[in-house]
Amino acid sequence: MTRCTLYGIIYSMNTIRISATSARNNFFELLNQIALGTQVIIERDSKEVALITPQKQTVNWVALKKASKAIHGIWKDYDPEDNPLRRKNAWPSLGKWDENSS
């Protein structure tokens, strides 16, 4: 595990270990780190007293279903054979990157 100490805070991959005093003095910076997905372990007298973890993101299935219904008709007329990038006289290097992968 990679560790780094900065301002008395011990940083590792996705966890910050910090004293209660440093947590109080750097509270808003800790909130920013937590929002980015980092867990924070708060210690008092070298004993773990709290663990703060980021809130898990949930999928709004109702909004996703509504959005998928809204775009349903967009692809019905799409023809992959009529791709403008594959037409004759299109820019010569377009599409060549995947010619051998087919």
N, C-alpha and C. Protein backbone atom coordinates (compact mmCIF):
# COMPACT_ATOMS: atom_id res chain seq x y z
N MET A 1 0.84 -1.17 0.00
CA MET A 1 0.00 0.00 0.00
C MET A 1 0.89 1.24 0.00
N THR A 2 0.56 2.20 -0.84
CA THR A 2 1.30 3.44 -0.93
C THR A 2 0.80 4.40 0.14
N ARG A 3 1.72 4.99 0.88
CA ARG A 3 1.33 5.93 1.93
C ARG A 3 2.12 7.22 1.78
N CYS A 4 1.51 8.29 2.16
CA CYS A 4 2.14 9.61 2.08
C CYS A 4 1.61 10.43 3.24
N THR A 5 2.45 11.23 3.86
CA THR A 5 2.02 12.08 4.97
C THR A 5 2.08 13.53 4.52
N LEU A 6 1.00 14.25 4.71
CA LEU A 6 0.92 15.65 4.34
C LEU A 6 0.11 16.37 5.39
N TYR A 7 0.66 17.39 6.02
CA TYR A 7 0.00 18.16 7.07
C TYR A 7 -0.48 17.24 8.20
N GLY A 8 0.29 16.22 8.53
CA GLY A 8 -0.08 15.33 9.62
C GLY A 8 -1.15 14.33 9.25
N ILE A 9 -1.53 14.27 7.98
CA ILE A 9 -2.56 13.35 7.51
C ILE A 9 -1.85 12.22 6.77
N ILE A 10 -2.19 10.99 7.11
CA ILE A 10 -1.60 9.85 6.41
C ILE A 10 -2.54 9.45 5.28
N TYR A 11 -2.03 9.52 4.05
CA TYR A 11 -2.82 9.19 2.87
C TYR A 11 -2.42 7.80 2.37
N SER A 12 -3.37 6.99 2.00
CA SER A 12 -3.10 5.75 1.29
C SER A 12 -4.04 5.72 0.09
N MET A 13 -4.10 4.61 -0.63
CA MET A 13 -4.82 4.55 -1.89
C MET A 13 -6.18 5.26 -1.84
N ASN A 14 -7.13 4.78 -1.07
CA ASN A 14 -8.44 5.40 -0.99
C ASN A 14 -8.86 5.67 0.44
N THR A 15 -7.89 5.73 1.34
CA THR A 15 -8.19 5.94 2.74
C THR A 15 -7.27 7.01 3.30
N ILE A 16 -7.85 7.89 4.11
CA ILE A 16 -7.07 8.90 4.83
C ILE A 16 -7.21 8.58 6.31
N ARG A 17 -6.09 8.53 7.02
CA ARG A 17 -6.07 8.30 8.46
C ARG A 17 -5.66 9.63 9.08
N ILE A 18 -6.49 10.20 9.97
CA ILE A 18 -6.24 11.54 10.47
C ILE A 18 -6.65 11.62 11.94
N SER A 19 -5.97 12.48 12.68
CA SER A 19 -6.33 12.68 14.08
C SER A 19 -7.61 13.51 14.16
N ALA A 20 -8.28 13.42 15.28
CA ALA A 20 -9.53 14.16 15.48
C ALA A 20 -9.28 15.66 15.39
N THR A 21 -8.15 16.11 15.92
CA THR A 21 -7.82 17.54 15.87
C THR A 21 -7.61 18.00 14.43
N SER A 22 -6.85 17.22 13.65
CA SER A 22 -6.63 17.57 12.25
C SER A 22 -7.93 17.51 11.45
N ALA A 23 -8.78 16.56 11.79
CA ALA A 23 -10.08 16.46 11.10
C ALA A 23 -10.90 17.72 11.36
N ARG A 24 -10.89 18.18 12.60
CA ARG A 24 -11.63 19.40 12.94
C ARG A 24 -11.06 20.60 12.19
N ASN A 25 -9.73 20.70 12.14
CA ASN A 25 -9.09 21.85 11.50
C ASN A 25 -9.16 21.83 9.98
N ASN A 26 -9.34 20.64 9.38
CA ASN A 26 -9.38 20.50 7.92
C ASN A 26 -10.69 19.89 7.45
N PHE A 27 -11.77 20.21 8.13
CA PHE A 27 -13.05 19.54 7.87
C PHE A 27 -13.53 19.68 6.43
N PHE A 28 -13.48 20.88 5.88
CA PHE A 28 -14.00 21.08 4.53
C PHE A 28 -13.12 20.41 3.48
N GLU A 29 -11.82 20.36 3.70
CA GLU A 29 -10.94 19.63 2.79
C GLU A 29 -11.25 18.13 2.86
N LEU A 30 -11.54 17.62 4.06
CA LEU A 30 -11.92 16.22 4.20
C LEU A 30 -13.22 15.93 3.46
N LEU A 31 -14.18 16.83 3.56
CA LEU A 31 -15.44 16.65 2.83
C LEU A 31 -15.20 16.56 1.33
N ASN A 32 -14.30 17.39 0.82
CA ASN A 32 -13.97 17.33 -0.61
C ASN A 32 -13.36 15.98 -0.96
N GLN A 33 -12.46 15.47 -0.13
CA GLN A 33 -11.85 14.17 -0.37
C GLN A 33 -12.88 13.06 -0.32
N ILE A 34 -13.80 13.13 0.62
CA ILE A 34 -14.85 12.12 0.74
C ILE A 34 -15.75 12.16 -0.49
N ALA A 35 -16.07 13.35 -0.97
CA ALA A 35 -16.90 13.48 -2.17
C ALA A 35 -16.22 12.86 -3.38
N LEU A 36 -14.89 12.81 -3.38
CA LEU A 36 -14.15 12.21 -4.49
C LEU A 36 -13.99 10.70 -4.33
N GLY A 37 -14.54 10.14 -3.24
CA GLY A 37 -14.53 8.69 -3.07
C GLY A 37 -13.55 8.15 -2.04
N THR A 38 -12.93 9.01 -1.27
CA THR A 38 -11.95 8.59 -0.27
C THR A 38 -12.62 8.32 1.07
N GLN A 39 -12.20 7.25 1.74
CA GLN A 39 -12.66 6.98 3.09
C GLN A 39 -11.76 7.71 4.07
N VAL A 40 -12.32 8.15 5.19
CA VAL A 40 -11.53 8.84 6.21
C VAL A 40 -11.68 8.09 7.52
N ILE A 41 -10.53 7.73 8.10
CA ILE A 41 -10.52 7.13 9.43
C ILE A 41 -10.04 8.20 10.40
N ILE A 42 -10.84 8.49 11.41
CA ILE A 42 -10.48 9.50 12.40
C ILE A 42 -10.01 8.79 13.66
N GLU A 43 -8.85 9.23 14.16
CA GLU A 43 -8.26 8.62 15.34
C GLU A 43 -8.17 9.62 16.48
N ARG A 44 -8.33 9.10 17.70
CA ARG A 44 -8.10 9.89 18.90
C ARG A 44 -7.22 9.06 19.82
N ASP A 45 -6.12 9.60 20.24
CA ASP A 45 -5.15 8.87 21.06
C ASP A 45 -4.70 7.59 20.37
N SER A 46 -4.46 7.67 19.07
CA SER A 46 -4.00 6.55 18.23
C SER A 46 -4.97 5.39 18.17
N LYS A 47 -6.24 5.64 18.46
CA LYS A 47 -7.28 4.60 18.35
C LYS A 47 -8.32 5.07 17.35
N GLU A 48 -8.76 4.17 16.48
CA GLU A 48 -9.79 4.52 15.51
C GLU A 48 -11.11 4.76 16.22
N VAL A 49 -11.71 5.93 15.97
CA VAL A 49 -12.98 6.24 16.61
C VAL A 49 -14.10 6.47 15.60
N ALA A 50 -13.74 6.72 14.34
CA ALA A 50 -14.79 6.96 13.34
C ALA A 50 -14.27 6.62 11.95
N LEU A 51 -15.20 6.21 11.11
CA LEU A 51 -14.92 5.95 9.71
C LEU A 51 -15.98 6.70 8.91
N ILE A 52 -15.53 7.58 8.05
CA ILE A 52 -16.45 8.34 7.20
C ILE A 52 -16.24 7.84 5.77
N THR A 53 -17.32 7.39 5.15
CA THR A 53 -17.25 6.87 3.79
C THR A 53 -18.14 7.70 2.88
N PRO A 54 -17.83 7.75 1.60
CA PRO A 54 -18.68 8.50 0.67
C PRO A 54 -20.04 7.82 0.52
N GLN A 55 -21.04 8.62 0.24
CA GLN A 55 -22.37 8.08 0.01
C GLN A 55 -22.36 7.34 -1.31
N LYS A 56 -22.96 6.17 -1.33
CA LYS A 56 -23.00 5.38 -2.56
C LYS A 56 -23.96 6.03 -3.55
N GLN A 57 -23.51 6.07 -4.80
CA GLN A 57 -24.35 6.62 -5.86
C GLN A 57 -25.37 5.58 -6.28
N THR A 58 -26.58 5.99 -6.47
CA THR A 58 -27.62 5.07 -6.92
C THR A 58 -28.08 5.46 -8.32
N VAL A 59 -28.62 4.51 -9.02
CA VAL A 59 -29.12 4.76 -10.36
C VAL A 59 -30.59 5.13 -10.26
N ASN A 60 -30.96 6.21 -10.90
CA ASN A 60 -32.35 6.61 -10.96
C ASN A 60 -32.99 5.85 -12.11
N TRP A 61 -33.53 4.67 -11.82
CA TRP A 61 -34.06 3.79 -12.86
C TRP A 61 -35.26 4.39 -13.58
N VAL A 62 -36.07 5.16 -12.88
CA VAL A 62 -37.24 5.79 -13.52
C VAL A 62 -36.78 6.79 -14.58
N ALA A 63 -35.80 7.62 -14.24
CA ALA A 63 -35.29 8.61 -15.19
C ALA A 63 -34.57 7.92 -16.36
N LEU A 64 -33.85 6.84 -16.07
CA LEU A 64 -33.16 6.10 -17.13
C LEU A 64 -34.16 5.49 -18.11
N LYS A 65 -35.23 4.91 -17.58
CA LYS A 65 -36.26 4.33 -18.45
C LYS A 65 -36.93 5.41 -19.30
N LYS A 66 -37.21 6.55 -18.68
CA LYS A 66 -37.83 7.66 -19.41
C LYS A 66 -36.91 8.16 -20.53
N ALA A 67 -35.61 8.28 -20.23
CA ALA A 67 -34.65 8.73 -21.24
C ALA A 67 -34.51 7.72 -22.37
N SER A 68 -34.52 6.44 -22.04
CA SER A 68 -34.38 5.43 -23.09
C SER A 68 -35.61 5.41 -24.00
N LYS A 69 -36.79 5.66 -23.44
CA LYS A 69 -37.99 5.75 -24.27
C LYS A 69 -37.92 6.99 -25.17
N ALA A 70 -37.36 8.08 -24.65
CA ALA A 70 -37.29 9.32 -25.43
C ALA A 70 -36.35 9.18 -26.62
N ILE A 71 -35.30 8.38 -26.52
CA ILE A 71 -34.35 8.25 -27.62
C ILE A 71 -34.60 7.01 -28.48
N HIS A 72 -35.64 6.26 -28.17
CA HIS A 72 -35.90 5.01 -28.86
C HIS A 72 -35.96 5.18 -30.39
N GLY A 73 -36.59 6.24 -30.86
CA GLY A 73 -36.77 6.41 -32.29
C GLY A 73 -35.56 6.96 -33.03
N ILE A 74 -34.55 7.38 -32.32
CA ILE A 74 -33.39 7.99 -32.97
C ILE A 74 -32.66 7.01 -33.86
N TRP A 75 -32.47 5.77 -33.43
CA TRP A 75 -31.67 4.79 -34.14
C TRP A 75 -32.44 3.98 -35.17
N LYS A 76 -33.74 4.12 -35.25
CA LYS A 76 -34.51 3.25 -36.14
C LYS A 76 -34.15 3.43 -37.61
N ASP A 77 -33.72 4.64 -38.02
CA ASP A 77 -33.36 4.89 -39.41
C ASP A 77 -31.87 4.77 -39.68
N TYR A 78 -31.09 4.39 -38.68
CA TYR A 78 -29.64 4.32 -38.84
C TYR A 78 -29.26 3.06 -39.62
N ASP A 79 -28.44 3.24 -40.65
CA ASP A 79 -27.93 2.12 -41.43
C ASP A 79 -26.41 2.14 -41.33
N PRO A 80 -25.81 1.17 -40.64
CA PRO A 80 -24.35 1.20 -40.48
C PRO A 80 -23.60 1.09 -41.81
N GLU A 81 -24.23 0.53 -42.83
CA GLU A 81 -23.59 0.43 -44.14
C GLU A 81 -23.52 1.78 -44.85
N ASP A 82 -24.37 2.71 -44.45
CA ASP A 82 -24.41 4.03 -45.08
C ASP A 82 -23.70 5.07 -44.20
N ASN A 83 -22.65 4.66 -43.54
CA ASN A 83 -21.89 5.56 -42.69
C ASN A 83 -21.13 6.55 -43.57
N PRO A 84 -21.31 7.86 -43.38
CA PRO A 84 -20.65 8.84 -44.23
C PRO A 84 -19.12 8.75 -44.17
N LEU A 85 -18.58 8.23 -43.10
CA LEU A 85 -17.13 8.11 -43.00
C LEU A 85 -16.60 6.96 -43.84
N ARG A 86 -17.47 6.06 -44.26
CA ARG A 86 -17.05 4.90 -45.05
C ARG A 86 -17.34 5.07 -46.54
N ARG A 87 -17.98 6.17 -46.92
CA ARG A 87 -18.30 6.39 -48.32
C ARG A 87 -17.05 6.66 -49.15
N LYS A 88 -17.16 6.39 -50.44
CA LYS A 88 -16.05 6.70 -51.35
C LYS A 88 -15.82 8.20 -51.32
N ASN A 89 -14.57 8.56 -51.48
CA ASN A 89 -14.13 9.96 -51.50
C ASN A 89 -14.21 10.62 -50.12
N ALA A 90 -14.48 9.85 -49.08
CA ALA A 90 -14.38 10.41 -47.73
C ALA A 90 -12.90 10.60 -47.43
N TRP A 91 -12.59 11.31 -46.43
CA TRP A 91 -11.20 11.55 -46.07
C TRP A 91 -10.49 10.20 -45.98
N PRO A 92 -9.41 9.99 -46.72
CA PRO A 92 -8.82 8.66 -46.90
C PRO A 92 -8.42 7.93 -45.62
N SER A 93 -7.94 8.63 -44.62
CA SER A 93 -7.47 7.93 -43.43
C SER A 93 -8.58 7.61 -42.43
N LEU A 94 -9.77 8.16 -42.65
CA LEU A 94 -10.88 7.87 -41.73
C LEU A 94 -11.28 6.41 -41.86
N GLY A 95 -11.39 5.75 -40.75
CA GLY A 95 -11.84 4.37 -40.75
C GLY A 95 -10.76 3.34 -40.99
N LYS A 96 -9.57 3.75 -41.39
CA LYS A 96 -8.53 2.76 -41.65
C LYS A 96 -8.01 2.11 -40.38
N TRP A 97 -8.16 2.77 -39.26
CA TRP A 97 -7.64 2.23 -38.01
C TRP A 97 -8.30 0.92 -37.63
N ASP A 98 -9.54 0.67 -38.12
CA ASP A 98 -10.21 -0.58 -37.72
C ASP A 98 -10.46 -1.53 -38.87
N GLU A 99 -9.88 -1.29 -40.04
CA GLU A 99 -10.10 -2.17 -41.19
C GLU A 99 -9.61 -3.60 -40.92
N ASN A 100 -8.52 -3.74 -40.20
CA ASN A 100 -7.96 -5.06 -39.94
C ASN A 100 -8.63 -5.78 -38.77
N SER A 101 -9.43 -5.08 -38.00
CA SER A 101 -10.05 -5.71 -36.84
C SER A 101 -11.33 -6.46 -37.19
N SER A 102 -11.86 -6.28 -38.37
CA SER A 102 -13.12 -6.93 -38.75
C SER A 102 -12.92 -8.39 -39.08
